[in-house]
Amino acid sequence: MKTLATTLVLTSLIFGAPIMAATGHDHGHSHDQTSVNQATAEKNADKVIASLVKKDKIDNSWSSIKASSIEKKELEGRLEWIVIFNNIKVTNIDKQKLYVFLTIGGEYIAVNYTGK
């Protein structure tokens, strides 16, 4: 009898979980984002740069660089913010320009040196 009860509880946990994950749920972010303004996009991109410097992913000289360009672009069918930073202190010319990609709602997507 104890085995039957344990089996029933485990079965309900395993097969009941997908039912709870149906539509109409909240998992911490919205798929339908409202656009943040340009100042907020720049502030969020600055936070991304600061985080990368702190994690030693990019040189410390990036921490004093301000955005040189902030624009909305449509990429892969959705609007995104692209915030560009130029750092002439970097000796490698290919790595003097850093692109920070944010959702239209201001959330971090990616960062790279190519802008692609």
Protein backbone atom coordinates (compact mmCIF):
# COMPACT_ATOMS: atom_id res chain seq x y z
CA MET A 1 0.00 0.00 0.00
CA LYS A 2 2.89 2.34 0.84
CA THR A 3 4.42 1.68 -2.58
CA LEU A 4 1.13 2.46 -4.31
CA ALA A 5 0.81 5.79 -2.48
CA THR A 6 4.40 6.75 -3.33
CA THR A 7 3.85 5.83 -6.97
CA LEU A 8 0.69 7.93 -7.16
CA VAL A 9 2.41 10.96 -5.62
CA LEU A 10 5.41 10.70 -7.95
CA THR A 11 3.17 10.21 -10.98
CA SER A 12 1.12 13.29 -10.14
CA LEU A 13 4.29 15.37 -9.71
CA ILE A 14 5.77 14.22 -13.00
CA PHE A 15 2.64 14.52 -15.13
CA GLY A 16 1.04 17.42 -13.24
CA ALA A 17 3.94 19.85 -13.81
CA PRO A 18 3.39 20.27 -17.57
CA ILE A 19 -0.24 21.18 -16.92
CA MET A 20 0.88 23.96 -14.59
CA ALA A 21 3.17 25.34 -17.33
CA ALA A 22 0.34 26.14 -19.72
CA THR A 23 -0.39 29.54 -21.24
CA GLY A 24 -1.29 32.48 -19.06
CA HIS A 25 1.76 32.12 -16.84
CA ASP A 26 4.45 34.55 -15.80
CA HIS A 27 8.09 33.52 -15.98
CA GLY A 28 9.83 36.75 -15.14
CA HIS A 29 9.83 38.61 -18.42
CA SER A 30 7.40 39.87 -20.97
CA HIS A 31 7.27 38.86 -24.60
CA ASP A 32 5.42 42.08 -25.38
CA GLN A 33 7.82 44.81 -24.29
CA THR A 34 7.23 48.51 -24.24
CA SER A 35 10.07 50.59 -25.57
CA VAL A 36 12.41 52.32 -23.16
CA ASN A 37 13.67 55.76 -24.09
CA GLN A 38 17.14 56.47 -25.45
CA ALA A 39 18.51 57.63 -22.08
CA THR A 40 17.43 54.38 -20.41
CA ALA A 41 18.96 52.33 -23.24
CA GLU A 42 22.25 54.19 -22.77
CA LYS A 43 22.14 53.70 -18.98
CA ASN A 44 21.51 49.95 -19.42
CA ALA A 45 24.35 49.67 -21.95
CA ASP A 46 26.66 51.46 -19.50
CA LYS A 47 25.75 48.81 -16.92
CA VAL A 48 26.65 46.07 -19.42
CA ILE A 49 30.05 47.69 -20.04
CA ALA A 50 30.67 48.05 -16.29
CA SER A 51 29.80 44.38 -15.77
CA LEU A 52 32.17 43.28 -18.54
CA VAL A 53 34.98 45.37 -17.05
CA LYS A 54 34.32 43.95 -13.58
CA LYS A 55 34.45 40.38 -14.97
CA ASP A 56 37.72 41.21 -16.83
CA LYS A 57 36.07 40.45 -20.18
CA ILE A 58 37.15 43.84 -21.58
CA ASP A 59 39.90 46.30 -20.67
CA ASN A 60 39.37 48.67 -17.74
CA SER A 61 39.72 51.65 -20.11
CA TRP A 62 36.16 50.95 -21.34
CA SER A 63 34.75 52.03 -17.97
CA SER A 64 35.28 55.71 -18.76
CA ILE A 65 33.94 55.59 -22.33
CA LYS A 66 30.54 57.12 -23.09
CA ALA A 67 28.29 55.91 -25.89
CA SER A 68 29.05 57.50 -29.25
CA SER A 69 25.82 56.37 -30.89
CA ILE A 70 22.45 55.04 -29.79
CA GLU A 71 19.87 53.90 -32.31
CA LYS A 72 16.89 51.65 -32.82
CA LYS A 73 17.26 49.12 -35.60
CA GLU A 74 15.12 46.31 -36.87
CA LEU A 75 17.06 43.06 -36.69
CA GLU A 76 15.53 39.70 -37.56
CA GLY A 77 12.05 41.22 -37.59
CA ARG A 78 12.21 42.94 -34.19
CA LEU A 79 13.29 46.36 -32.99
CA GLU A 80 16.42 46.50 -30.86
CA TRP A 81 18.59 49.18 -29.36
CA ILE A 82 22.20 49.25 -30.57
CA VAL A 83 24.52 51.29 -28.39
CA ILE A 84 28.00 51.88 -29.82
CA PHE A 85 31.10 52.75 -27.80
CA ASN A 86 34.42 53.89 -29.32
CA ASN A 87 37.63 53.47 -27.33
CA ILE A 88 40.74 54.89 -29.01
CA LYS A 89 42.85 53.66 -26.08
CA VAL A 90 42.53 50.12 -27.42
CA THR A 91 45.51 49.39 -29.68
CA ASN A 92 43.76 46.75 -31.80
CA ILE A 93 41.74 48.80 -34.31
CA ASP A 94 39.29 45.92 -34.81
CA LYS A 95 38.39 46.12 -31.11
CA GLN A 96 38.05 49.89 -30.71
CA LYS A 97 34.32 49.84 -31.40
CA LEU A 98 32.03 47.89 -29.07
CA TYR A 99 28.36 47.24 -29.91
CA VAL A 100 25.86 46.56 -27.13
CA PHE A 101 22.54 45.06 -28.26
CA LEU A 102 19.46 45.53 -26.07
CA THR A 103 15.84 44.55 -26.51
CA ILE A 104 13.49 47.43 -27.21
CA GLY A 105 12.55 47.07 -23.53
CA GLY A 106 16.18 47.71 -22.53
CA GLU A 107 17.24 44.17 -21.63
CA TYR A 108 20.72 42.91 -22.55
CA ILE A 109 20.94 40.67 -25.62
CA ALA A 110 24.58 40.60 -26.71
CA VAL A 111 27.80 42.55 -27.13
CA ASN A 112 30.45 42.28 -29.83
CA TYR A 113 33.03 44.18 -31.88
CA THR A 114 31.41 43.63 -35.28
CA GLY A 115 27.92 45.09 -34.93
CA LYS A 116 26.41 41.95 -36.41
